[in-house]
């Protein structure tokens, strides 16, 4: 099953239980990271550029349904879009 992509105006919703807030997402990403190493050799990621990303599956944390998500409008998304126009 293809996992629908999120946008600024949409969010996921589990079609089985209605969950809107808790999901386990399996994804593959190709990224370029800028690593900063201190003198002790410890590193910290300071910048990340995502070159490609694929969401492989989404599992609902409430009912454990796998890939049972749909896209729904975010609350206030229409008002924000109108304000920006």
PDB file of N, CA and C in Angstrom:
ATOM      1  N   UNK A   1       0.845  -1.190   0.000  1.00  0.00           N
ATOM      2  CA  UNK A   1       0.000   0.000   0.000  1.00  0.00           C
ATOM      3  C   UNK A   1       0.880   1.238   0.000  1.00  0.00           C
ATOM      4  N   UNK A   2       0.529   2.215  -0.807  1.00  0.00           N
ATOM      5  CA  UNK A   2       1.264   3.472  -0.854  1.00  0.00           C
ATOM      6  C   UNK A   2       0.842   4.341   0.318  1.00  0.00           C
ATOM      7  N   UNK A   3       1.827   4.897   1.002  1.00  0.00           N
ATOM      8  CA  UNK A   3       1.548   5.762   2.142  1.00  0.00           C
ATOM      9  C   UNK A   3       1.382   7.187   1.621  1.00  0.00           C
ATOM     10  N   UNK A   4       0.268   7.834   1.926  1.00  0.00           N
ATOM     11  CA  UNK A   4       0.066   9.199   1.443  1.00  0.00           C
ATOM     12  C   UNK A   4       1.061  10.167   2.070  1.00  0.00           C
ATOM     13  N   UNK A   5       1.523  11.115   1.284  1.00  0.00           N
ATOM     14  CA  UNK A   5       2.504  12.086   1.753  1.00  0.00           C
ATOM     15  C   UNK A   5       1.825  13.214   2.516  1.00  0.00           C
ATOM     16  N   UNK A   6       2.440  13.619   3.603  1.00  0.00           N
ATOM     17  CA  UNK A   6       1.933  14.742   4.392  1.00  0.00           C
ATOM     18  C   UNK A   6       2.252  16.056   3.695  1.00  0.00           C
ATOM     19  N   UNK A   7       1.403  17.037   3.943  1.00  0.00           N
ATOM     20  CA  UNK A   7       1.646  18.387   3.451  1.00  0.00           C
ATOM     21  C   UNK A   7       1.426  19.354   4.604  1.00  0.00           C
ATOM     22  N   UNK A   8       1.625  20.625   4.354  1.00  0.00           N
ATOM     23  CA  UNK A   8       1.398  21.632   5.393  1.00  0.00           C
ATOM     24  C   UNK A   8      -0.085  21.740   5.751  1.00  0.00           C
ATOM     25  N   UNK A   9      -0.960  21.313   4.849  1.00  0.00           N
ATOM     26  CA  UNK A   9      -2.401  21.426   5.078  1.00  0.00           C
ATOM     27  C   UNK A   9      -3.047  20.114   5.535  1.00  0.00           C
ATOM     28  N   UNK A  10      -2.295  19.008   5.542  1.00  0.00           N
ATOM     29  CA  UNK A  10      -2.878  17.706   5.874  1.00  0.00           C
ATOM     30  C   UNK A  10      -2.122  17.013   6.998  1.00  0.00           C
ATOM     31  N   UNK A  11      -2.778  15.992   7.553  1.00  0.00           N
ATOM     32  CA  UNK A  11      -2.150  15.140   8.559  1.00  0.00           C
ATOM     33  C   UNK A  11      -2.725  13.733   8.406  1.00  0.00           C
ATOM     34  N   UNK A  12      -2.081  12.764   9.060  1.00  0.00           N
ATOM     35  CA  UNK A  12      -2.541  11.382   8.983  1.00  0.00           C
ATOM     36  C   UNK A  12      -3.651  11.123   9.989  1.00  0.00           C
ATOM     37  N   UNK A  13      -4.517  10.169   9.647  1.00  0.00           N
ATOM     38  CA  UNK A  13      -5.565   9.691  10.539  1.00  0.00           C
ATOM     39  C   UNK A  13      -5.706   8.198  10.304  1.00  0.00           C
ATOM     40  N   UNK A  14      -5.723   7.410  11.377  1.00  0.00           N
ATOM     41  CA  UNK A  14      -5.938   5.969  11.272  1.00  0.00           C
ATOM     42  C   UNK A  14      -7.395   5.725  10.906  1.00  0.00           C
ATOM     43  N   UNK A  15      -7.619   4.949   9.860  1.00  0.00           N
ATOM     44  CA  UNK A  15      -8.992   4.690   9.414  1.00  0.00           C
ATOM     45  C   UNK A  15      -9.709   3.697  10.319  1.00  0.00           C
ATOM     46  N   UNK A  16      -8.974   2.951  11.145  1.00  0.00           N
ATOM     47  CA  UNK A  16      -9.612   1.963  12.015  1.00  0.00           C
ATOM     48  C   UNK A  16     -10.038   2.530  13.361  1.00  0.00           C
ATOM     49  N   UNK A  17      -9.164   3.328  14.000  1.00  0.00           N
ATOM     50  CA  UNK A  17      -9.492   3.806  15.354  1.00  0.00           C
ATOM     51  C   UNK A  17      -9.621   5.320  15.457  1.00  0.00           C
ATOM     52  N   UNK A  18      -9.239   6.058  14.424  1.00  0.00           N
ATOM     53  CA  UNK A  18      -9.366   7.511  14.450  1.00  0.00           C
ATOM     54  C   UNK A  18      -8.164   8.254  15.013  1.00  0.00           C
ATOM     55  N   UNK A  19      -7.109   7.543  15.379  1.00  0.00           N
ATOM     56  CA  UNK A  19      -5.897   8.160  15.928  1.00  0.00           C
ATOM     57  C   UNK A  19      -5.366   9.241  14.984  1.00  0.00           C
ATOM     58  N   UNK A  20      -5.008  10.378  15.565  1.00  0.00           N
ATOM     59  CA  UNK A  20      -4.423  11.485  14.807  1.00  0.00           C
ATOM     60  C   UNK A  20      -3.012  11.841  15.268  1.00  0.00           C
ATOM     61  N   UNK A  21      -2.541  11.212  16.349  1.00  0.00           N
ATOM     62  CA  UNK A  21      -1.337  11.741  16.989  1.00  0.00           C
ATOM     63  C   UNK A  21      -0.166  10.780  17.160  1.00  0.00           C
ATOM     64  N   UNK A  22      -0.353   9.473  17.090  1.00  0.00           N
ATOM     65  CA  UNK A  22       0.736   8.553  17.402  1.00  0.00           C
ATOM     66  C   UNK A  22       0.887   7.502  16.312  1.00  0.00           C
ATOM     67  N   UNK A  23       2.039   7.527  15.620  1.00  0.00           N
ATOM     68  CA  UNK A  23       2.309   6.574  14.549  1.00  0.00           C
ATOM     69  C   UNK A  23       3.769   6.152  14.593  1.00  0.00           C
ATOM     70  N   UNK A  24       4.028   4.895  14.244  1.00  0.00           N
ATOM     71  CA  UNK A  24       5.388   4.419  14.000  1.00  0.00           C
ATOM     72  C   UNK A  24       5.594   4.471  12.495  1.00  0.00           C
ATOM     73  N   UNK A  25       6.571   5.231  12.046  1.00  0.00           N
ATOM     74  CA  UNK A  25       6.805   5.442  10.624  1.00  0.00           C
ATOM     75  C   UNK A  25       8.138   4.804  10.243  1.00  0.00           C
ATOM     76  N   UNK A  26       8.091   3.928   9.246  1.00  0.00           N
ATOM     77  CA  UNK A  26       9.309   3.338   8.685  1.00  0.00           C
ATOM     78  C   UNK A  26       9.594   4.081   7.393  1.00  0.00           C
ATOM     79  N   UNK A  27      10.771   4.684   7.314  1.00  0.00           N
ATOM     80  CA  UNK A  27      11.106   5.467   6.133  1.00  0.00           C
ATOM     81  C   UNK A  27      12.557   5.257   5.746  1.00  0.00           C
ATOM     82  N   UNK A  28      12.831   5.487   4.491  1.00  0.00           N
ATOM     83  CA  UNK A  28      14.184   5.449   3.959  1.00  0.00           C
ATOM     84  C   UNK A  28      14.514   6.857   3.493  1.00  0.00           C
ATOM     85  N   UNK A  29      15.695   7.343   3.880  1.00  0.00           N
ATOM     86  CA  UNK A  29      16.079   8.702   3.505  1.00  0.00           C
ATOM     87  C   UNK A  29      17.515   8.724   3.008  1.00  0.00           C
ATOM     88  N   UNK A  30      17.748   9.541   2.020  1.00  0.00           N
ATOM     89  CA  UNK A  30      19.104   9.817   1.542  1.00  0.00           C
ATOM     90  C   UNK A  30      19.391  11.256   1.922  1.00  0.00           C
ATOM     91  N   UNK A  31      20.386  11.457   2.781  1.00  0.00           N
ATOM     92  CA  UNK A  31      20.661  12.785   3.320  1.00  0.00           C
ATOM     93  C   UNK A  31      22.136  13.135   3.204  1.00  0.00           C
ATOM     94  N   UNK A  32      22.387  14.422   3.218  1.00  0.00           N
ATOM     95  CA  UNK A  32      23.738  14.950   3.363  1.00  0.00           C
ATOM     96  C   UNK A  32      23.752  15.654   4.706  1.00  0.00           C
ATOM     97  N   UNK A  33      24.706  15.280   5.558  1.00  0.00           N
ATOM     98  CA  UNK A  33      24.792  15.892   6.884  1.00  0.00           C
ATOM     99  C   UNK A  33      26.139  16.587   7.059  1.00  0.00           C
ATOM    100  N   UNK A  34      26.086  17.758   7.680  1.00  0.00           N
ATOM    101  CA  UNK A  34      27.297  18.463   8.059  1.00  0.00           C
ATOM    102  C   UNK A  34      27.589  18.079   9.508  1.00  0.00           C
ATOM    103  N   UNK A  35      28.695  17.383   9.718  1.00  0.00           N
ATOM    104  CA  UNK A  35      29.081  16.937  11.053  1.00  0.00           C
ATOM    105  C   UNK A  35      30.177  17.842  11.593  1.00  0.00           C
ATOM    106  N   UNK A  36      30.033  18.233  12.841  1.00  0.00           N
ATOM    107  CA  UNK A  36      31.040  19.030  13.529  1.00  0.00           C
ATOM    108  C   UNK A  36      31.641  18.148  14.618  1.00  0.00           C
ATOM    109  N   UNK A  37      32.935  17.927  14.534  1.00  0.00           N
ATOM    110  CA  UNK A  37      33.645  17.118  15.525  1.00  0.00           C
ATOM    111  C   UNK A  37      34.388  18.034  16.488  1.00  0.00           C
ATOM    112  N   UNK A  38      34.261  17.750  17.790  1.00  0.00           N
ATOM    113  CA  UNK A  38      35.048  18.509  18.751  1.00  0.00           C
ATOM    114  C   UNK A  38      36.431  17.856  18.860  1.00  0.00           C
ATOM    115  N   UNK A  39      37.310  18.459  19.632  1.00  0.00           N
ATOM    116  CA  UNK A  39      38.676  17.948  19.723  1.00  0.00           C
ATOM    117  C   UNK A  39      38.759  16.565  20.371  1.00  0.00           C
ATOM    118  N   UNK A  40      37.759  16.180  21.127  1.00  0.00           N
ATOM    119  CA  UNK A  40      37.725  14.836  21.736  1.00  0.00           C
ATOM    120  C   UNK A  40      37.233  13.790  20.743  1.00  0.00           C
ATOM    121  N   UNK A  41      36.738  14.226  19.583  1.00  0.00           N
ATOM    122  CA  UNK A  41      36.281  13.284  18.565  1.00  0.00           C
ATOM    123  C   UNK A  41      34.784  13.032  18.570  1.00  0.00           C
ATOM    124  N   UNK A  42      34.049  13.691  19.479  1.00  0.00           N
ATOM    125  CA  UNK A  42      32.591  13.540  19.504  1.00  0.00           C
ATOM    126  C   UNK A  42      31.982  14.401  18.404  1.00  0.00           C
ATOM    127  N   UNK A  43      30.959  13.865  17.739  1.00  0.00           N
ATOM    128  CA  UNK A  43      30.359  14.601  16.635  1.00  0.00           C
ATOM    129  C   UNK A  43      28.955  15.065  16.964  1.00  0.00           C
ATOM    130  N   UNK A  44      28.541  16.087  16.226  1.00  0.00           N
ATOM    131  CA  UNK A  44      27.200  16.648  16.344  1.00  0.00           C
ATOM    132  C   UNK A  44      26.759  17.033  14.933  1.00  0.00           C
ATOM    133  N   UNK A  45      25.533  16.638  14.565  1.00  0.00           N
ATOM    134  CA  UNK A  45      24.997  17.009  13.266  1.00  0.00           C
ATOM    135  C   UNK A  45      24.502  18.446  13.363  1.00  0.00           C
ATOM    136  N   UNK A  46      25.066  19.331  12.540  1.00  0.00           N
ATOM    137  CA  UNK A  46      24.686  20.737  12.579  1.00  0.00           C
ATOM    138  C   UNK A  46      23.767  21.132  11.440  1.00  0.00           C
ATOM    139  N   UNK A  47      23.826  20.410  10.317  1.00  0.00           N
ATOM    140  CA  UNK A  47      22.941  20.683   9.193  1.00  0.00           C
ATOM    141  C   UNK A  47      22.574  19.364   8.532  1.00  0.00           C
ATOM    142  N   UNK A  48      21.329  19.273   8.076  1.00  0.00           N
ATOM    143  CA  UNK A  48      20.885  18.093   7.351  1.00  0.00           C
ATOM    144  C   UNK A  48      20.117  18.545   6.117  1.00  0.00           C
ATOM    145  N   UNK A  49      20.480  17.998   4.970  1.00  0.00           N
ATOM    146  CA  UNK A  49      19.766  18.246   3.724  1.00  0.00           C
ATOM    147  C   UNK A  49      19.193  16.912   3.250  1.00  0.00           C
ATOM    148  N   UNK A  50      17.882  16.822   3.126  1.00  0.00           N
ATOM    149  CA  UNK A  50      17.233  15.597   2.667  1.00  0.00           C
ATOM    150  C   UNK A  50      17.202  15.615   1.145  1.00  0.00           C
ATOM    151  N   UNK A  51      17.876  14.641   0.530  1.00  0.00           N
ATOM    152  CA  UNK A  51      17.915  14.543  -0.920  1.00  0.00           C
ATOM    153  C   UNK A  51      16.732  13.744  -1.455  1.00  0.00           C
ATOM    154  N   UNK A  52      16.357  12.698  -0.735  1.00  0.00           N
ATOM    155  CA  UNK A  52      15.218  11.859  -1.123  1.00  0.00           C
ATOM    156  C   UNK A  52      14.692  11.169   0.125  1.00  0.00           C
ATOM    157  N   UNK A  53      13.375  10.966   0.165  1.00  0.00           N
ATOM    158  CA  UNK A  53      12.776  10.299   1.308  1.00  0.00           C
ATOM    159  C   UNK A  53      11.560   9.509   0.842  1.00  0.00           C
ATOM    160  N   UNK A  54      11.455   8.270   1.340  1.00  0.00           N
ATOM    161  CA  UNK A  54      10.326   7.413   1.018  1.00  0.00           C
ATOM    162  C   UNK A  54       9.744   6.869   2.311  1.00  0.00           C
ATOM    163  N   UNK A  55       8.453   7.069   2.521  1.00  0.00           N
ATOM    164  CA  UNK A  55       7.772   6.480   3.671  1.00  0.00           C
ATOM    165  C   UNK A  55       7.321   5.089   3.245  1.00  0.00           C
ATOM    166  N   UNK A  56       7.837   4.069   3.926  1.00  0.00           N
ATOM    167  CA  UNK A  56       7.556   2.691   3.546  1.00  0.00           C
ATOM    168  C   UNK A  56       6.306   2.141   4.220  1.00  0.00           C
ATOM    169  N   UNK A  57       6.112   2.474   5.495  1.00  0.00           N
ATOM    170  CA  UNK A  57       4.918   2.000   6.187  1.00  0.00           C
ATOM    171  C   UNK A  57       4.623   2.901   7.378  1.00  0.00           C
ATOM    172  N   UNK A  58       3.361   2.884   7.775  1.00  0.00           N
ATOM    173  CA  UNK A  58       2.921   3.642   8.945  1.00  0.00           C
ATOM    174  C   UNK A  58       2.056   2.703   9.780  1.00  0.00           C
ATOM    175  N   UNK A  59       2.400   2.577  11.067  1.00  0.00           N
ATOM    176  CA  UNK A  59       1.640   1.720  11.980  1.00  0.00           C
ATOM    177  C   UNK A  59       1.047   2.590  13.075  1.00  0.00           C
ATOM    178  N   UNK A  60      -0.237   2.406  13.321  1.00  0.00           N
ATOM    179  CA  UNK A  60      -0.927   3.157  14.362  1.00  0.00           C
ATOM    180  C   UNK A  60      -0.471   2.658  15.726  1.00  0.00           C
ATOM    181  N   UNK A  61      -0.098   3.554  16.601  1.00  0.00           N
ATOM    182  CA  UNK A  61       0.348   3.189  17.940  1.00  0.00           C
ATOM    183  C   UNK A  61      -0.808   2.789  18.840  1.00  0.00           C
ATOM    184  N   UNK A  62      -2.023   3.199  18.537  1.00  0.00           N
ATOM    185  CA  UNK A  62      -3.178   2.885  19.382  1.00  0.00           C
ATOM    186  C   UNK A  62      -3.728   1.494  19.101  1.00  0.00           C
ATOM    187  N   UNK A  63      -3.920   1.139  17.815  1.00  0.00           N
ATOM    188  CA  UNK A  63      -4.567  -0.141  17.493  1.00  0.00           C
ATOM    189  C   UNK A  63      -3.660  -1.101  16.730  1.00  0.00           C
ATOM    190  N   UNK A  64      -2.411  -0.704  16.471  1.00  0.00           N
ATOM    191  CA  UNK A  64      -1.423  -1.519  15.754  1.00  0.00           C
ATOM    192  C   UNK A  64      -1.792  -1.815  14.314  1.00  0.00           C
ATOM    193  N   UNK A  65      -2.722  -1.093  13.744  1.00  0.00           N
ATOM    194  CA  UNK A  65      -3.059  -1.280  12.337  1.00  0.00           C
ATOM    195  C   UNK A  65      -1.882  -0.832  11.482  1.00  0.00           C
ATOM    196  N   UNK A  66      -1.555  -1.606  10.474  1.00  0.00           N
ATOM    197  CA  UNK A  66      -0.430  -1.299   9.595  1.00  0.00           C
ATOM    198  C   UNK A  66      -0.959  -0.737   8.284  1.00  0.00           C
ATOM    199  N   UNK A  67      -0.432   0.396   7.897  1.00  0.00           N
ATOM    200  CA  UNK A  67      -0.771   1.037   6.626  1.00  0.00           C
ATOM    201  C   UNK A  67      -2.264   1.297   6.460  1.00  0.00           C
ATOM    202  N   UNK A  68      -2.921   1.694   7.514  1.00  0.00           N
ATOM    203  CA  UNK A  68      -4.346   2.035   7.467  1.00  0.00           C
ATOM    204  C   UNK A  68      -4.511   3.524   7.739  1.00  0.00           C
ATOM    205  N   UNK A  69      -3.801   4.348   6.985  1.00  0.00           N
ATOM    206  CA  UNK A  69      -3.873   5.792   7.208  1.00  0.00           C
ATOM    207  C   UNK A  69      -4.485   6.482   6.004  1.00  0.00           C
ATOM    208  N   UNK A  70      -5.089   7.614   6.286  1.00  0.00           N
ATOM    209  CA  UNK A  70      -5.620   8.472   5.239  1.00  0.00           C
ATOM    210  C   UNK A  70      -5.181   9.895   5.540  1.00  0.00           C
ATOM    211  N   UNK A  71      -5.270  10.748   4.556  1.00  0.00           N
ATOM    212  CA  UNK A  71      -4.966  12.156   4.763  1.00  0.00           C
ATOM    213  C   UNK A  71      -6.248  12.902   5.089  1.00  0.00           C
ATOM    214  N   UNK A  72      -6.181  13.736   6.118  1.00  0.00           N
ATOM    215  CA  UNK A  72      -7.295  14.613   6.474  1.00  0.00           C
ATOM    216  C   UNK A  72      -6.742  16.026   6.629  1.00  0.00           C
ATOM    217  N   UNK A  73      -7.613  17.006   6.519  1.00  0.00           N
ATOM    218  CA  UNK A  73      -7.194  18.402   6.664  1.00  0.00           C
ATOM    219  C   UNK A  73      -6.767  18.682   8.094  1.00  0.00           C
ATOM    220  N   UNK A  74      -5.736  19.518   8.229  1.00  0.00           N
ATOM    221  CA  UNK A  74      -5.335  19.985   9.555  1.00  0.00           C
ATOM    222  C   UNK A  74      -6.305  21.066  10.011  1.00  0.00           C
ATOM    223  N   UNK A  75      -6.595  21.131  11.310  1.00  0.00           N
ATOM    224  CA  UNK A  75      -7.462  22.206  11.796  1.00  0.00           C
ATOM    225  C   UNK A  75      -6.834  23.567  11.503  1.00  0.00           C
ATOM    226  N   UNK A  76      -7.614  24.473  10.976  1.00  0.00           N
ATOM    227  CA  UNK A  76      -7.126  25.824  10.716  1.00  0.00           C
ATOM    228  C   UNK A  76      -6.312  25.961   9.449  1.00  0.00           C
ATOM    229  N   UNK A  77      -6.115  24.892   8.696  1.00  0.00           N
ATOM    230  CA  UNK A  77      -5.294  24.965   7.489  1.00  0.00           C
ATOM    231  C   UNK A  77      -5.917  25.902   6.462  1.00  0.00           C
ATOM    232  N   UNK A  78      -7.237  25.880   6.341  1.00  0.00           N
ATOM    233  CA  UNK A  78      -7.911  26.764   5.391  1.00  0.00           C
ATOM    234  C   UNK A  78      -7.750  28.228   5.788  1.00  0.00           C
ATOM    235  N   UNK A  79      -7.856  28.525   7.085  1.00  0.00           N
ATOM    236  CA  UNK A  79      -7.714  29.895   7.555  1.00  0.00           C
ATOM    237  C   UNK A  79      -6.297  30.408   7.336  1.00  0.00           C
ATOM    238  N   UNK A  80      -5.293  29.557   7.573  1.00  0.00           N
ATOM    239  CA  UNK A  80      -3.910  29.961   7.359  1.00  0.00           C
ATOM    240  C   UNK A  80      -3.648  30.246   5.889  1.00  0.00           C
ATOM    241  N   UNK A  81      -4.195  29.402   5.003  1.00  0.00           N
ATOM    242  CA  UNK A  81      -4.013  29.584   3.574  1.00  0.00           C
ATOM    243  C   UNK A  81      -4.661  30.903   3.126  1.00  0.00           C
ATOM    244  N   UNK A  82      -5.828  31.222   3.675  1.00  0.00           N
ATOM    245  CA  UNK A  82      -6.499  32.468   3.322  1.00  0.00           C
ATOM    246  C   UNK A  82      -5.724  33.675   3.825  1.00  0.00           C
ATOM    247  N   UNK A  83      -5.120  33.557   5.012  1.00  0.00           N
ATOM    248  CA  UNK A  83      -4.339  34.661   5.574  1.00  0.00           C
ATOM    249  C   UNK A  83      -3.094  34.942   4.741  1.00  0.00           C
ATOM    250  N   UNK A  84      -2.509  33.913   4.151  1.00  0.00           N
ATOM    251  CA  UNK A  84      -1.287  34.065   3.380  1.00  0.00           C
ATOM    252  C   UNK A  84      -1.564  34.584   1.976  1.00  0.00           C
ATOM    253  N   UNK A  85      -2.788  34.496   1.529  1.00  0.00           N
ATOM    254  CA  UNK A  85      -3.128  34.937   0.172  1.00  0.00           C
ATOM    255  C   UNK A  85      -3.289  36.430   0.077  1.00  0.00           C
TER     256      UNK A  85
END
